[in-house]
Amino acid sequence: MSQASPDFVPLNIAVLTVSDTRTAENDTSGDLLAQRLGEAGHALVLPPVGTGS
């Protein structure tokens, strides 16, 4: 017996990356996550914020 997989439901998602050792120029983890989420069909709901300095 196998379970039917649920239908895909796209989500509205915000990505927040916080670091005290990286900058927007040398930390690509948030960009990669946002890209993969978009490719999967989800919507990013907040634009990049920038630095806290």
N, C-alpha and C. Protein backbone atom coordinates (compact mmCIF):
# COMPACT_ATOMS: atom_id res chain seq x y z
N MET A 1 0.83 -1.18 0.00
CA MET A 1 0.00 0.00 0.00
C MET A 1 0.88 1.24 0.00
N SER A 2 0.63 2.12 -0.91
CA SER A 2 1.38 3.37 -0.94
C SER A 2 0.42 4.54 -0.78
N GLN A 3 0.93 5.59 -0.16
CA GLN A 3 0.12 6.78 0.04
C GLN A 3 0.27 7.68 -1.18
N ALA A 4 -0.82 8.32 -1.56
CA ALA A 4 -0.75 9.29 -2.64
C ALA A 4 -0.02 10.52 -2.12
N SER A 5 0.86 11.07 -2.95
CA SER A 5 1.56 12.28 -2.53
C SER A 5 0.61 13.47 -2.62
N PRO A 6 0.71 14.39 -1.67
CA PRO A 6 -0.17 15.55 -1.70
C PRO A 6 0.15 16.45 -2.89
N ASP A 7 -0.84 17.22 -3.30
CA ASP A 7 -0.63 18.18 -4.39
C ASP A 7 0.36 19.24 -3.94
N PHE A 8 1.12 19.75 -4.89
CA PHE A 8 2.07 20.82 -4.60
C PHE A 8 1.31 22.08 -4.23
N VAL A 9 1.74 22.73 -3.17
CA VAL A 9 1.15 24.00 -2.74
C VAL A 9 2.28 25.02 -2.66
N PRO A 10 2.30 26.01 -3.57
CA PRO A 10 3.36 27.02 -3.51
C PRO A 10 3.19 27.89 -2.27
N LEU A 11 4.32 28.22 -1.66
CA LEU A 11 4.32 29.03 -0.44
C LEU A 11 4.89 30.41 -0.70
N ASN A 12 4.45 31.39 0.07
CA ASN A 12 5.08 32.71 0.11
C ASN A 12 6.14 32.64 1.20
N ILE A 13 7.39 32.87 0.82
CA ILE A 13 8.51 32.67 1.74
C ILE A 13 9.41 33.89 1.74
N ALA A 14 9.91 34.24 2.93
CA ALA A 14 10.93 35.27 3.07
C ALA A 14 12.21 34.59 3.53
N VAL A 15 13.33 34.97 2.94
CA VAL A 15 14.63 34.42 3.31
C VAL A 15 15.39 35.50 4.09
N LEU A 16 15.84 35.15 5.27
CA LEU A 16 16.61 36.07 6.10
C LEU A 16 17.95 35.41 6.41
N THR A 17 19.03 36.04 6.00
CA THR A 17 20.37 35.54 6.29
C THR A 17 21.04 36.53 7.22
N VAL A 18 21.53 36.04 8.35
CA VAL A 18 22.20 36.89 9.34
C VAL A 18 23.60 36.36 9.58
N SER A 19 24.59 37.24 9.52
CA SER A 19 25.97 36.82 9.74
C SER A 19 26.78 37.99 10.28
N ASP A 20 27.71 37.69 11.16
CA ASP A 20 28.63 38.73 11.62
C ASP A 20 30.01 38.56 11.01
N THR A 21 30.16 37.58 10.11
CA THR A 21 31.45 37.35 9.46
C THR A 21 31.39 37.45 7.95
N ARG A 22 30.21 37.57 7.38
CA ARG A 22 30.05 37.62 5.92
C ARG A 22 29.37 38.92 5.53
N THR A 23 29.51 39.25 4.25
CA THR A 23 28.82 40.41 3.68
C THR A 23 27.95 39.93 2.53
N ALA A 24 27.13 40.82 1.99
CA ALA A 24 26.30 40.45 0.85
C ALA A 24 27.14 40.03 -0.34
N GLU A 25 28.36 40.55 -0.43
CA GLU A 25 29.23 40.23 -1.56
C GLU A 25 29.87 38.84 -1.44
N ASN A 26 30.14 38.36 -0.23
CA ASN A 26 30.85 37.08 -0.12
C ASN A 26 30.02 35.98 0.54
N ASP A 27 28.76 36.21 0.80
CA ASP A 27 27.89 35.16 1.33
C ASP A 27 26.78 34.91 0.34
N THR A 28 26.84 33.80 -0.35
CA THR A 28 25.86 33.50 -1.39
C THR A 28 24.78 32.53 -0.93
N SER A 29 24.80 32.15 0.34
CA SER A 29 23.84 31.14 0.82
C SER A 29 22.40 31.61 0.69
N GLY A 30 22.12 32.86 1.06
CA GLY A 30 20.76 33.37 0.94
C GLY A 30 20.31 33.47 -0.50
N ASP A 31 21.21 33.89 -1.38
CA ASP A 31 20.89 33.97 -2.81
C ASP A 31 20.59 32.59 -3.37
N LEU A 32 21.39 31.61 -2.99
CA LEU A 32 21.18 30.24 -3.47
C LEU A 32 19.84 29.70 -2.99
N LEU A 33 19.55 29.90 -1.72
CA LEU A 33 18.28 29.42 -1.18
C LEU A 33 17.10 30.09 -1.88
N ALA A 34 17.16 31.40 -2.09
CA ALA A 34 16.09 32.12 -2.77
C ALA A 34 15.92 31.61 -4.20
N GLN A 35 17.03 31.36 -4.88
CA GLN A 35 16.97 30.84 -6.25
C GLN A 35 16.30 29.47 -6.28
N ARG A 36 16.71 28.59 -5.39
CA ARG A 36 16.15 27.23 -5.36
C ARG A 36 14.67 27.24 -5.00
N LEU A 37 14.28 28.11 -4.09
CA LEU A 37 12.86 28.21 -3.74
C LEU A 37 12.04 28.69 -4.93
N GLY A 38 12.56 29.68 -5.67
CA GLY A 38 11.88 30.16 -6.86
C GLY A 38 11.77 29.08 -7.92
N GLU A 39 12.85 28.33 -8.13
CA GLU A 39 12.84 27.24 -9.10
C GLU A 39 11.83 26.15 -8.72
N ALA A 40 11.60 25.99 -7.43
CA ALA A 40 10.65 24.98 -6.96
C ALA A 40 9.20 25.46 -7.05
N GLY A 41 9.01 26.74 -7.41
CA GLY A 41 7.66 27.25 -7.59
C GLY A 41 7.11 28.07 -6.44
N HIS A 42 7.95 28.38 -5.47
CA HIS A 42 7.51 29.20 -4.34
C HIS A 42 7.76 30.68 -4.66
N ALA A 43 7.09 31.58 -3.93
CA ALA A 43 7.22 33.01 -4.17
C ALA A 43 7.99 33.67 -3.02
N LEU A 44 8.99 34.46 -3.37
CA LEU A 44 9.73 35.23 -2.37
C LEU A 44 8.95 36.52 -2.14
N VAL A 45 8.63 36.79 -0.88
CA VAL A 45 7.73 37.90 -0.58
C VAL A 45 8.43 39.16 -0.08
N LEU A 46 9.72 39.08 0.21
CA LEU A 46 10.45 40.26 0.66
C LEU A 46 11.69 40.45 -0.19
N PRO A 47 11.97 41.68 -0.61
CA PRO A 47 13.21 41.94 -1.35
C PRO A 47 14.41 41.91 -0.41
N PRO A 48 15.61 41.84 -0.95
CA PRO A 48 16.80 41.90 -0.09
C PRO A 48 16.80 43.19 0.73
N VAL A 49 17.21 43.11 1.98
CA VAL A 49 17.15 44.26 2.88
C VAL A 49 18.43 45.05 2.87
N GLY A 50 19.57 44.41 2.84
CA GLY A 50 20.85 45.11 2.87
C GLY A 50 21.58 44.88 4.17
N THR A 51 22.52 45.75 4.46
CA THR A 51 23.34 45.57 5.65
C THR A 51 22.73 46.30 6.83
N GLY A 52 23.14 45.90 8.00
CA GLY A 52 22.64 46.54 9.21
C GLY A 52 23.54 47.64 9.70
N SER A 53 24.58 47.98 8.93
CA SER A 53 25.52 49.01 9.40
C SER A 53 25.19 50.37 8.83
